[in-house]
Amino acid sequence: MSKPIPNDIEKILRRNRIRVDFPAEVFAEVRLLEKNPGLHDPSLEDLTHLPFVTIDNTDSRDLDQAMYLEKDEQGRYTVYYALADASYYVHPSSALFAEALKRGASYYLPGLSIPMLPRKLSEGLVSLNPNVDRRSLVFIMHLDQQGEVQKTDIVRAKIHSVAKLTYAGVQRLFDDSHTSPLASQTYTTSLMLLQEVGNLRLEDAKRRDVVRYNRQEVEVERSKDGAWEIVTRKRMPVDSFNEQISLMCNSEGAKILARHTDASTAQAIYRIHEAPEPQSLERLELVLKSIARAHDLDPEIWCWKVGTKSLAHFLEELPQDPAYERINEVIQRQALLVNHRSVYSAEPGLHYALGVTPYARFSSPMREMVGIFTHKEALEKLGMETENQDEQKDDELREKIIQVANQAKELQRRLTKDIMGLAVDRLLGKDLRFPRENRPRHKATLMGISPTRMYVKLDDPPADLKIYLDRLSATTNRQMLVSEDGVGLQYADGKGDVVFKIGDPLWVQVHSYDKKRKRWHLEPQSLS
């Protein structure tokens, strides 16, 4: 029996019209699949002799990917990247497909997932669980000594994952192979090659001027007393190595789809990410110049000019001294703001953030409807799917999947925002128990300014908060305006200099909570 869903989570699910249960006809199809899992399919290549492993979070149960790496005597690499063969089990004519199409994707909340496919599939029959045979779509990617892909083959195969590993466990092997329990295993050499290939792929991304942001994973967890808390998880090198293999697979899959775009049977879906508008980059240039001037920083180091060095190169060269930690974080945030959001499209195009053309999503076939469709299309293009396809229906289906895939991305973003709101309410709500003059002060960084708001980020936990200038003016009886250069705030009466600058540390204190507008009213205070 599944765990009961907490009331606050249930409200969020209802508000977003997310269905938890599956209809009876879906379960009927699942029972048939369990009786006929397709593991004895003679067309499957037998790769069960290779010691595949999965690398995931400790609590992950829907295991989409497994990998195994080899290196030959000439220093060339072969990466076997196995993906759950979801499209074999979820056919367009099935109730499973229809229900997955309604959902669009799996959705993740703290301690809870709402799967796109029933758990008996997503955590059972289709999931690449350890110590059992599974159907898989395997990308066999052949790399040269520099980690550049020379050739990619796709096969439908039977694999046998020998272990479910965690990011922390694999990182421990990389950090100290002598004490790690993962040393001297059948898959140890494969994991060490993951580190080699991952570093080579990261170097390649650097040559392509891919911007690498100093990201910190901010999550919300349920505390022991049942409330929501904001926690952080620092990204480890293994996260990046694993990510690089996934990105390489998706890029290679997209190339295969694109090579067949002239065929009458081609219905590919790509993920595109447009480059920033020139005007946005010019504004970024001006903002960085103003920030450097406001903090008396060397413009040769802290300013960036469009058309000179790449933005990736500029960010990479910024001083990493702890004294500049806040300024660095602000500049990274300002650089992020110039970006568009990625979207799914029927036409191939640039994925600016990854520096590749084209790009598709193959790596999450149990969690994203678009993954099932791209698997199906790739198999058709390669002549590995023998069923007759109605091309007009496939065209219509592609448009529908693009629509639901983009909607699913927005829905997960709303869910994450709602959950973060619960955690912020819990964090700041505790302060209301104190008299106003005795309320705790939270140290923060001023991350940005608009004509109506200040955007601050707390040091601990790293929550993003807004300070509304109209409310601040009402409580202080002094109106605040944005300075001419756009990076500071000063009083409208003209008395005194700029009070706060982007990049400044400051204190934030709770003033009150507006239940009607569901807003926290906060007061900024200078550290001095």
Protein backbone atom coordinates (compact mmCIF):
# COMPACT_ATOMS: atom_id res chain seq x y z
CA MET A 1 0.00 0.00 0.00
CA SER A 2 1.35 3.44 -0.93
CA LYS A 3 1.92 6.09 1.73
CA PRO A 4 -0.88 8.60 2.36
CA ILE A 5 -0.30 11.95 0.70
CA PRO A 6 0.11 14.87 3.17
CA ASN A 7 -2.78 17.37 3.13
CA ASP A 8 -0.64 20.31 1.96
CA ILE A 9 0.72 18.25 -0.94
CA GLU A 10 -2.75 17.01 -1.80
CA LYS A 11 -3.96 20.61 -2.06
CA ILE A 12 -1.16 21.41 -4.48
CA LEU A 13 -1.98 18.35 -6.59
CA ARG A 14 -5.68 19.27 -6.71
CA ARG A 15 -4.92 22.88 -7.57
CA ASN A 16 -2.79 21.72 -10.48
CA ARG A 17 -5.26 19.00 -11.50
CA ILE A 18 -2.72 16.21 -11.16
CA ARG A 19 -4.27 12.79 -11.10
CA VAL A 20 -2.69 10.20 -8.81
CA ASP A 21 -4.68 7.05 -9.61
CA PHE A 22 -4.72 5.18 -12.91
CA PRO A 23 -7.89 3.90 -14.65
CA ALA A 24 -8.75 0.20 -14.53
CA GLU A 25 -7.99 -0.42 -18.22
CA VAL A 26 -4.40 0.70 -17.63
CA PHE A 27 -3.91 -1.85 -14.86
CA ALA A 28 -5.42 -4.52 -17.07
CA GLU A 29 -2.74 -3.83 -19.68
CA VAL A 30 -0.03 -3.86 -17.02
CA ARG A 31 -1.10 -7.34 -15.90
CA LEU A 32 -0.81 -8.61 -19.48
CA LEU A 33 2.66 -7.10 -19.83
CA GLU A 34 3.80 -8.73 -16.61
CA LYS A 35 2.82 -12.10 -18.09
CA ASN A 36 4.58 -11.30 -21.40
CA PRO A 37 7.55 -9.01 -20.65
CA GLY A 38 9.20 -9.58 -24.03
CA LEU A 39 12.53 -10.74 -22.60
CA HIS A 40 12.66 -13.77 -24.90
CA ASP A 41 12.33 -11.65 -28.03
CA PRO A 42 14.80 -13.21 -30.52
CA SER A 43 15.53 -9.80 -32.05
CA LEU A 44 17.12 -8.58 -28.80
CA GLU A 45 20.91 -8.47 -28.69
CA ASP A 46 22.16 -10.22 -25.55
CA LEU A 47 24.34 -7.82 -23.55
CA THR A 48 23.75 -9.45 -20.17
CA HIS A 49 27.48 -10.30 -19.92
CA LEU A 50 28.35 -6.60 -19.55
CA PRO A 51 28.34 -5.32 -15.93
CA PHE A 52 25.98 -2.39 -16.36
CA VAL A 53 25.25 -0.22 -13.30
CA THR A 54 22.80 2.59 -12.57
CA ILE A 55 23.84 5.78 -10.76
CA ASP A 56 21.00 7.66 -9.12
CA ASN A 57 19.80 9.35 -5.98
CA THR A 58 19.48 7.11 -2.93
CA ASP A 59 15.67 7.13 -3.00
CA SER A 60 15.23 6.78 -6.79
CA ARG A 61 13.20 3.79 -7.91
CA ASP A 62 12.40 4.61 -11.53
CA LEU A 63 15.77 3.82 -13.08
CA ASP A 64 15.84 5.03 -16.69
CA GLN A 65 19.55 4.66 -17.48
CA ALA A 66 22.40 2.21 -16.95
CA MET A 67 25.94 2.40 -18.31
CA TYR A 68 29.09 0.45 -19.00
CA LEU A 69 32.35 1.86 -20.44
CA GLU A 70 35.36 0.22 -22.10
CA LYS A 71 38.74 1.45 -23.35
CA ASP A 72 40.84 -0.28 -26.01
CA GLU A 73 44.63 -0.51 -26.37
CA GLN A 74 44.68 2.59 -28.61
CA GLY A 75 42.99 4.67 -25.91
CA ARG A 76 39.61 4.81 -27.66
CA TYR A 77 36.43 4.54 -25.61
CA THR A 78 33.15 2.70 -26.07
CA VAL A 79 30.20 3.88 -23.99
CA TYR A 80 27.22 1.56 -23.66
CA TYR A 81 24.31 3.68 -22.46
CA ALA A 82 21.20 1.62 -21.80
CA LEU A 83 17.79 3.28 -21.63
CA ALA A 84 14.61 1.64 -20.39
CA ASP A 85 12.69 0.28 -23.40
CA ALA A 86 9.47 2.05 -22.48
CA SER A 87 8.22 2.40 -26.05
CA TYR A 88 8.06 -1.41 -26.34
CA TYR A 89 5.52 -1.54 -23.52
CA VAL A 90 3.63 1.69 -24.22
CA HIS A 91 2.14 1.58 -27.75
CA PRO A 92 0.22 4.52 -29.26
CA SER A 93 -2.95 2.42 -29.47
CA SER A 94 -2.86 1.42 -25.79
CA ALA A 95 -4.65 2.78 -22.73
CA LEU A 96 -1.19 3.13 -21.16
CA PHE A 97 -0.14 5.53 -23.92
CA ALA A 98 -3.37 7.53 -23.69
CA GLU A 99 -2.98 7.95 -19.92
CA ALA A 100 0.71 8.84 -20.21
CA LEU A 101 -0.18 11.43 -22.83
CA LYS A 102 -2.67 13.04 -20.42
CA ARG A 103 0.01 13.28 -17.74
CA GLY A 104 2.89 14.31 -19.99
CA ALA A 105 5.59 13.39 -17.48
CA SER A 106 6.26 12.12 -13.99
CA TYR A 107 6.13 14.83 -11.32
CA TYR A 108 8.37 15.05 -8.30
CA LEU A 109 7.68 16.54 -4.90
CA PRO A 110 9.53 16.01 -1.60
CA GLY A 111 9.23 12.36 -0.63
CA LEU A 112 6.65 11.75 -3.36
CA SER A 113 6.56 11.06 -7.07
CA ILE A 114 3.49 11.00 -9.31
CA PRO A 115 4.60 8.62 -12.05
CA MET A 116 3.66 8.92 -15.69
CA LEU A 117 3.46 5.12 -15.87
CA PRO A 118 2.07 2.83 -13.14
CA ARG A 119 4.69 1.90 -10.54
CA LYS A 120 4.56 -1.77 -11.53
CA LEU A 121 6.11 -0.57 -14.78
CA SER A 122 8.09 2.54 -13.81
CA GLU A 123 9.58 0.96 -10.68
CA GLY A 124 9.23 -2.66 -11.77
CA LEU A 125 9.07 -4.28 -15.18
CA VAL A 126 10.50 -1.38 -17.24
CA SER A 127 12.90 0.07 -14.65
CA LEU A 128 16.55 -1.03 -15.02
CA ASN A 129 16.62 -2.54 -11.54
CA PRO A 130 19.67 -4.48 -10.34
CA ASN A 131 20.03 -8.25 -10.56
CA VAL A 132 17.26 -8.79 -13.10
CA ASP A 133 17.18 -8.95 -16.89
CA ARG A 134 15.56 -6.00 -18.62
CA ARG A 135 14.74 -4.85 -22.14
CA SER A 136 16.69 -1.77 -23.12
CA LEU A 137 17.45 0.59 -25.96
CA VAL A 138 21.25 0.77 -25.91
CA PHE A 139 23.28 3.61 -27.41
CA ILE A 140 26.73 2.26 -28.26
CA MET A 141 28.88 5.36 -28.65
CA HIS A 142 32.42 5.01 -30.00
CA LEU A 143 34.75 7.83 -28.90
CA ASP A 144 38.30 8.70 -29.89
CA GLN A 145 41.12 9.40 -27.43
CA GLN A 146 39.88 12.98 -26.95
CA GLY A 147 36.33 11.89 -26.12
CA GLU A 148 34.85 12.95 -29.48
CA VAL A 149 32.07 10.70 -30.77
CA GLN A 150 33.08 8.96 -33.99
CA LYS A 151 30.13 6.64 -34.44
CA THR A 152 26.91 5.71 -32.64
CA ASP A 153 24.89 2.53 -32.99
CA ILE A 154 21.51 1.89 -31.41
CA VAL A 155 20.39 -1.64 -30.58
CA ARG A 156 17.48 -3.16 -28.74
CA ALA A 157 19.03 -5.46 -26.19
CA LYS A 158 18.62 -7.46 -23.03
CA ILE A 159 20.83 -6.18 -20.22
CA HIS A 160 21.49 -7.12 -16.61
CA SER A 161 22.38 -4.28 -14.21
CA VAL A 162 24.63 -5.62 -11.47
CA ALA A 163 24.28 -2.72 -9.01
CA LYS A 164 22.21 0.33 -8.12
CA LEU A 165 24.81 2.91 -7.14
CA THR A 166 24.47 6.39 -5.66
CA TYR A 167 26.23 9.60 -6.65
CA ALA A 168 27.84 9.85 -3.21
CA GLY A 169 29.09 6.27 -3.39
CA VAL A 170 30.67 6.69 -6.81
CA GLN A 171 32.24 10.01 -5.81
CA ARG A 172 33.82 8.29 -2.81
CA LEU A 173 35.44 5.83 -5.25
CA PHE A 174 36.82 8.74 -7.28
CA ASP A 175 38.11 10.49 -4.16
CA ASP A 176 39.67 7.46 -2.44
CA SER A 177 39.65 4.21 -4.37
CA HIS A 178 41.58 2.42 -1.59
CA THR A 179 38.78 2.64 0.98
CA SER A 180 35.72 2.62 -1.30
CA PRO A 181 33.53 -0.51 -1.22
CA LEU A 182 33.13 -0.05 -5.00
CA ALA A 183 36.80 -0.86 -5.60
CA SER A 184 37.68 -4.31 -6.99
CA GLN A 185 34.21 -4.87 -8.40
CA THR A 186 33.42 -6.11 -11.89
CA TYR A 187 32.31 -2.58 -12.78
CA THR A 188 35.11 -0.61 -11.07
CA THR A 189 37.12 -0.05 -14.26
CA SER A 190 33.96 1.12 -16.02
CA LEU A 191 33.34 3.70 -13.29
CA MET A 192 36.90 5.00 -13.48
CA LEU A 193 36.45 5.37 -17.24
CA LEU A 194 33.29 7.40 -16.54
CA GLN A 195 35.55 9.88 -14.75
CA GLU A 196 37.97 9.95 -17.72
CA VAL A 197 35.27 10.37 -20.35
CA GLY A 198 33.36 12.85 -18.21
CA ASN A 199 36.40 15.10 -17.92
CA LEU A 200 37.07 14.85 -21.66
CA ARG A 201 33.47 15.81 -22.43
CA LEU A 202 33.65 18.74 -20.00
CA GLU A 203 36.79 19.96 -21.74
CA ASP A 204 34.97 19.69 -25.06
CA ALA A 205 32.07 21.73 -23.65
CA LYS A 206 34.59 24.36 -22.52
CA ARG A 207 36.01 24.56 -26.05
CA ARG A 208 32.47 25.11 -27.33
CA ASP A 209 32.05 28.03 -24.89
CA VAL A 210 29.30 26.31 -22.92
CA VAL A 211 28.58 28.41 -19.84
CA ARG A 212 29.08 26.47 -16.61
CA TYR A 213 27.30 28.04 -13.66
CA ASN A 214 28.31 27.43 -10.05
CA ARG A 215 25.11 25.60 -9.23
CA GLN A 216 23.99 24.50 -5.81
CA GLU A 217 21.11 22.05 -5.62
CA VAL A 218 18.38 23.65 -3.49
CA GLU A 219 15.66 21.22 -2.44
CA VAL A 220 12.79 21.00 -0.01
CA GLU A 221 12.47 18.10 2.42
CA ARG A 222 9.97 17.07 5.06
CA SER A 223 11.48 17.50 8.52
CA LYS A 224 10.97 15.15 11.45
CA ASP A 225 8.14 17.31 12.80
CA GLY A 226 6.29 17.12 9.47
CA ALA A 227 7.14 20.63 8.26
CA TRP A 228 8.95 21.62 5.09
CA GLU A 229 12.59 22.66 5.21
CA ILE A 230 14.95 24.07 2.57
CA VAL A 231 18.16 22.06 2.23
CA THR A 232 21.13 22.20 -0.12
CA ARG A 233 23.17 19.56 -1.86
CA LYS A 234 26.47 20.55 -3.36
CA ARG A 235 27.00 19.14 -6.82
CA MET A 236 29.83 16.64 -7.01
CA PRO A 237 32.07 15.92 -10.00
CA VAL A 238 30.24 12.61 -10.55
CA ASP A 239 27.02 14.58 -11.15
CA SER A 240 28.70 16.37 -14.05
CA PHE A 241 30.28 13.19 -15.44
CA ASN A 242 26.95 11.34 -15.41
CA GLU A 243 25.24 14.37 -16.94
CA GLN A 244 27.77 14.51 -19.77
CA ILE A 245 27.02 10.90 -20.79
CA SER A 246 23.30 11.66 -20.83
CA LEU A 247 23.80 14.82 -22.90
CA MET A 248 26.02 12.95 -25.34
CA CYS A 249 23.34 10.28 -25.79
CA ASN A 250 20.62 12.86 -26.39
CA SER A 251 22.77 14.73 -28.87
CA GLU A 252 23.63 11.55 -30.80
CA GLY A 253 19.97 10.49 -30.83
CA ALA A 254 18.98 13.86 -32.23
CA LYS A 255 21.55 13.52 -35.03
CA ILE A 256 20.04 10.16 -35.98
CA LEU A 257 16.57 11.69 -36.11
CA ALA A 258 17.82 14.66 -38.12
CA ARG A 259 19.48 12.43 -40.71
CA HIS A 260 16.02 11.07 -41.53
CA THR A 261 14.10 14.34 -41.71
CA ASP A 262 13.70 14.01 -45.48
CA ALA A 263 12.06 10.61 -45.13
CA SER A 264 8.31 10.41 -45.40
CA THR A 265 8.19 8.67 -42.03
CA ALA A 266 10.11 11.29 -40.03
CA GLN A 267 8.27 12.78 -37.05
CA ALA A 268 11.10 13.92 -34.80
CA ILE A 269 10.83 16.05 -31.68
CA TYR A 270 13.77 18.24 -30.66
CA ARG A 271 14.56 20.35 -27.64
CA ILE A 272 15.75 23.79 -28.63
CA HIS A 273 17.15 26.66 -26.60
CA GLU A 274 17.48 29.96 -28.43
CA ALA A 275 20.54 32.15 -27.91
CA PRO A 276 20.02 35.34 -25.87
CA GLU A 277 18.82 38.39 -27.75
CA PRO A 278 21.58 40.90 -28.61
CA GLN A 279 19.73 43.54 -26.59
CA SER A 280 19.77 41.28 -23.52
CA LEU A 281 23.52 40.78 -23.81
CA GLU A 282 24.04 44.53 -24.20
CA ARG A 283 21.97 45.12 -21.03
CA LEU A 284 24.05 42.52 -19.22
CA GLU A 285 27.21 44.32 -20.31
CA LEU A 286 25.89 47.60 -18.86
CA VAL A 287 24.71 45.97 -15.61
CA LEU A 288 28.09 44.30 -15.01
CA LYS A 289 29.83 47.60 -15.66
CA SER A 290 27.58 49.35 -13.13
CA ILE A 291 28.09 46.59 -10.53
CA ALA A 292 31.87 46.85 -10.92
CA ARG A 293 31.74 50.63 -10.56
CA ALA A 294 29.39 50.48 -7.54
CA HIS A 295 31.74 48.10 -5.70
CA ASP A 296 34.97 49.74 -6.89
CA LEU A 297 36.09 46.61 -8.74
CA ASP A 298 38.75 46.44 -11.45
CA PRO A 299 36.85 46.78 -14.75
CA GLU A 300 39.54 44.77 -16.58
CA ILE A 301 38.49 41.74 -14.48
CA TRP A 302 34.84 42.28 -13.63
CA CYS A 303 33.44 43.84 -16.81
CA TRP A 304 32.47 41.97 -19.95
CA LYS A 305 32.00 43.35 -23.43
CA VAL A 306 29.89 41.75 -26.16
CA GLY A 307 32.02 40.59 -29.07
CA THR A 308 35.25 40.16 -27.10
CA LYS A 309 35.71 37.01 -25.03
CA SER A 310 32.78 34.63 -24.69
CA LEU A 311 30.48 34.88 -21.68
CA ALA A 312 31.59 31.36 -20.68
CA HIS A 313 35.25 32.44 -20.75
CA PHE A 314 34.49 35.59 -18.76
CA LEU A 315 32.65 33.71 -15.99
CA GLU A 316 35.35 31.03 -15.87
CA GLU A 317 38.06 33.64 -15.25
CA LEU A 318 36.33 35.51 -12.41
CA PRO A 319 38.30 35.50 -9.13
CA GLN A 320 37.18 32.72 -6.79
CA ASP A 321 38.43 34.39 -3.62
CA PRO A 322 35.82 34.01 -0.81
CA ALA A 323 35.84 37.79 -0.46
CA TYR A 324 34.09 37.99 -3.84
CA GLU A 325 31.62 35.17 -3.27
CA ARG A 326 28.53 37.40 -3.22
CA ILE A 327 29.59 39.41 -6.27
CA ASN A 328 30.32 36.20 -8.13
CA GLU A 329 26.90 34.82 -7.30
CA VAL A 330 25.20 38.03 -8.41
CA ILE A 331 27.06 38.05 -11.73
CA GLN A 332 26.12 34.41 -12.33
CA ARG A 333 22.47 35.27 -11.63
CA GLN A 334 22.56 38.26 -13.99
CA ALA A 335 24.07 36.05 -16.71
CA LEU A 336 21.32 33.47 -16.21
CA LEU A 337 18.62 36.11 -16.63
CA VAL A 338 19.54 36.74 -20.28
CA ASN A 339 18.62 33.17 -21.22
CA HIS A 340 15.43 31.93 -22.83
CA ARG A 341 13.72 28.78 -21.60
CA SER A 342 14.20 25.65 -23.64
CA VAL A 343 11.16 24.26 -25.50
CA TYR A 344 10.22 21.21 -27.54
CA SER A 345 9.85 21.68 -31.27
CA ALA A 346 9.25 19.69 -34.45
CA GLU A 347 12.15 21.53 -36.10
CA PRO A 348 15.81 21.00 -35.18
CA GLY A 349 17.68 24.00 -33.86
CA LEU A 350 20.39 25.24 -31.56
CA HIS A 351 20.45 24.28 -27.90
CA TYR A 352 22.40 27.32 -26.77
CA ALA A 353 22.96 26.22 -23.17
CA LEU A 354 24.58 22.98 -24.34
CA GLY A 355 26.26 24.34 -27.44
CA VAL A 356 24.89 21.62 -29.73
CA THR A 357 22.65 21.34 -32.79
CA PRO A 358 20.41 19.38 -32.80
CA TYR A 359 19.35 18.05 -29.40
CA ALA A 360 16.54 15.71 -28.32
CA ARG A 361 15.40 13.89 -25.18
CA PHE A 362 16.00 10.14 -25.18
CA SER A 363 17.30 9.68 -21.64
CA SER A 364 14.08 9.74 -19.59
CA PRO A 365 11.65 7.42 -21.42
CA MET A 366 9.71 6.43 -18.29
CA ARG A 367 9.47 9.94 -16.92
CA GLU A 368 8.70 11.98 -20.05
CA MET A 369 6.16 11.28 -22.77
CA VAL A 370 8.48 12.88 -25.30
CA GLY A 371 11.05 10.16 -24.50
CA ILE A 372 8.66 7.38 -25.45
CA PHE A 373 7.91 9.13 -28.73
CA THR A 374 11.55 9.81 -29.65
CA HIS A 375 12.38 6.17 -28.95
CA LYS A 376 9.55 5.06 -31.21
CA GLU A 377 10.57 7.39 -34.00
CA ALA A 378 14.25 6.46 -33.85
CA LEU A 379 13.38 2.77 -33.98
CA GLU A 380 11.14 3.36 -37.01
CA LYS A 381 13.84 5.33 -38.81
CA LEU A 382 16.38 2.59 -38.17
CA GLY A 383 14.02 -0.13 -39.39
CA MET A 384 13.77 -1.74 -35.96
CA GLU A 385 10.01 -1.18 -35.57
CA THR A 386 7.99 -3.28 -37.98
CA GLU A 387 4.46 -2.10 -37.24
CA ASN A 388 2.79 -0.11 -40.01
CA GLN A 389 2.44 3.53 -39.06
CA ASP A 390 -0.27 5.95 -40.08
CA GLU A 391 1.87 8.98 -40.94
CA GLN A 392 -0.96 11.48 -40.68
CA LYS A 393 -1.83 10.21 -37.22
CA ASP A 394 1.85 10.30 -36.25
CA ASP A 395 2.07 13.94 -37.39
CA GLU A 396 -0.96 14.82 -35.27
CA LEU A 397 0.42 12.82 -32.36
CA ARG A 398 3.75 14.63 -32.54
CA GLU A 399 2.03 18.02 -32.26
CA LYS A 400 0.07 16.80 -29.25
CA ILE A 401 3.17 15.44 -27.54
CA ILE A 402 5.08 18.68 -28.13
CA GLN A 403 2.22 20.54 -26.50
CA VAL A 404 1.98 18.27 -23.45
CA ALA A 405 5.78 18.10 -23.09
CA ASN A 406 6.07 21.89 -22.88
CA GLN A 407 3.10 22.02 -20.51
CA ALA A 408 4.68 19.36 -18.30
CA LYS A 409 7.86 21.41 -17.94
CA GLU A 410 5.82 24.41 -16.82
CA LEU A 411 3.78 22.28 -14.44
CA GLN A 412 6.87 20.87 -12.71
CA ARG A 413 8.16 24.43 -12.39
CA ARG A 414 4.89 25.47 -10.68
CA LEU A 415 5.01 22.47 -8.35
CA THR A 416 8.57 23.29 -7.34
CA LYS A 417 7.58 26.91 -6.72
CA ASP A 418 4.55 25.88 -4.63
CA ILE A 419 6.66 23.54 -2.50
CA MET A 420 9.30 26.20 -2.01
CA GLY A 421 6.50 28.54 -0.92
CA LEU A 422 5.48 26.08 1.81
CA ALA A 423 9.07 25.91 3.02
CA VAL A 424 9.45 29.71 3.04
CA ASP A 425 6.16 30.05 4.94
CA ARG A 426 7.46 27.64 7.55
CA LEU A 427 10.83 29.39 7.77
CA LEU A 428 9.49 32.94 8.12
CA GLY A 429 6.35 31.95 10.01
CA LYS A 430 8.45 30.98 13.02
CA ASP A 431 9.65 34.59 13.25
CA LEU A 432 6.10 35.90 13.83
CA ARG A 433 6.12 34.29 17.27
CA PHE A 434 8.48 37.01 18.47
CA PRO A 435 7.67 40.69 19.11
CA ARG A 436 8.60 42.70 16.03
CA GLU A 437 11.64 44.33 17.58
CA ASN A 438 13.00 40.93 18.67
CA ARG A 439 12.47 38.98 15.47
CA PRO A 440 15.50 37.17 14.03
CA ARG A 441 17.49 38.82 11.28
CA HIS A 442 18.51 36.71 8.30
CA LYS A 443 21.71 37.49 6.46
CA ALA A 444 21.22 37.74 2.71
CA THR A 445 22.58 39.08 -0.58
CA LEU A 446 20.82 41.65 -2.74
CA MET A 447 20.63 39.76 -6.05
CA GLY A 448 18.63 42.16 -8.19
CA ILE A 449 16.36 45.20 -8.35
CA SER A 450 13.29 46.17 -10.34
CA PRO A 451 11.19 49.36 -10.06
CA THR A 452 8.86 47.54 -7.64
CA ARG A 453 10.96 44.90 -5.88
CA MET A 454 14.23 43.90 -4.32
CA TYR A 455 15.34 40.32 -4.94
CA VAL A 456 17.34 38.83 -2.09
CA LYS A 457 18.80 35.42 -1.39
CA LEU A 458 19.27 34.25 2.18
CA ASP A 459 22.62 32.79 3.16
CA ASP A 460 21.15 29.89 5.12
CA PRO A 461 18.97 28.40 3.92
CA PRO A 462 19.52 29.80 0.39
CA ALA A 463 15.92 30.85 -0.24
CA ASP A 464 15.05 33.50 -2.83
CA LEU A 465 12.76 36.20 -1.40
CA LYS A 466 11.14 39.40 -2.65
CA ILE A 467 10.92 42.72 -0.83
CA TYR A 468 8.10 44.89 -2.16
CA LEU A 469 9.12 48.54 -2.36
CA ASP A 470 5.59 49.95 -2.02
CA ARG A 471 5.11 48.10 1.26
CA LEU A 472 8.57 49.11 2.40
CA SER A 473 7.77 52.76 1.70
CA ALA A 474 4.54 52.44 3.69
CA THR A 475 6.28 51.02 6.75
CA THR A 476 9.24 53.42 6.70
CA ASN A 477 7.37 56.52 5.44
CA ARG A 478 10.16 57.02 2.90
CA GLN A 479 9.87 56.11 -0.77
CA MET A 480 12.75 54.23 -2.37
CA LEU A 481 13.71 54.51 -6.03
CA VAL A 482 16.11 52.67 -8.30
CA SER A 483 19.34 54.60 -8.91
CA GLU A 484 20.16 55.86 -12.40
CA ASP A 485 22.61 53.04 -13.11
CA GLY A 486 19.98 50.43 -12.14
CA VAL A 487 22.05 48.63 -9.51
CA GLY A 488 21.21 50.64 -6.40
CA LEU A 489 18.31 51.90 -4.29
CA GLN A 490 18.10 55.38 -2.77
CA TYR A 491 15.49 57.44 -1.00
CA ALA A 492 13.28 59.55 -3.25
CA ASP A 493 13.72 62.62 -1.04
CA GLY A 494 17.35 62.82 -2.19
CA LYS A 495 18.78 62.75 1.31
CA GLY A 496 21.84 60.53 1.44
CA ASP A 497 23.63 58.22 -0.94
CA VAL A 498 22.58 54.88 -2.35
CA VAL A 499 21.29 52.73 0.51
CA PHE A 500 21.60 49.26 -1.05
CA LYS A 501 23.54 48.02 -4.07
CA ILE A 502 23.22 44.77 -6.00
CA GLY A 503 25.80 42.44 -4.48
CA ASP A 504 25.58 43.95 -1.00
CA PRO A 505 25.19 41.76 2.07
CA LEU A 506 22.24 42.84 4.21
CA TRP A 507 19.94 41.76 6.97
CA VAL A 508 16.32 40.78 6.26
CA GLN A 509 13.68 40.85 9.00
CA VAL A 510 10.03 39.80 8.88
CA HIS A 511 7.59 42.69 9.29
CA SER A 512 4.23 40.96 8.66
CA TYR A 513 2.32 38.52 6.47
CA ASP A 514 -0.48 39.54 4.11
CA LYS A 515 -2.87 36.55 4.12
CA LYS A 516 -5.07 37.97 1.39
CA ARG A 517 -2.21 38.42 -1.10
CA LYS A 518 -0.12 35.57 0.39
CA ARG A 519 2.91 37.81 0.67
CA TRP A 520 5.60 38.19 3.25
CA HIS A 521 6.50 41.79 3.99
CA LEU A 522 10.18 42.04 4.77
CA GLU A 523 12.43 44.86 5.86
CA PRO A 524 16.01 45.14 4.63
CA GLN A 525 18.65 46.50 6.98
CA SER A 526 22.23 47.45 6.30
CA LEU A 527 24.92 45.33 7.96
CA SER A 528 26.67 48.47 9.19
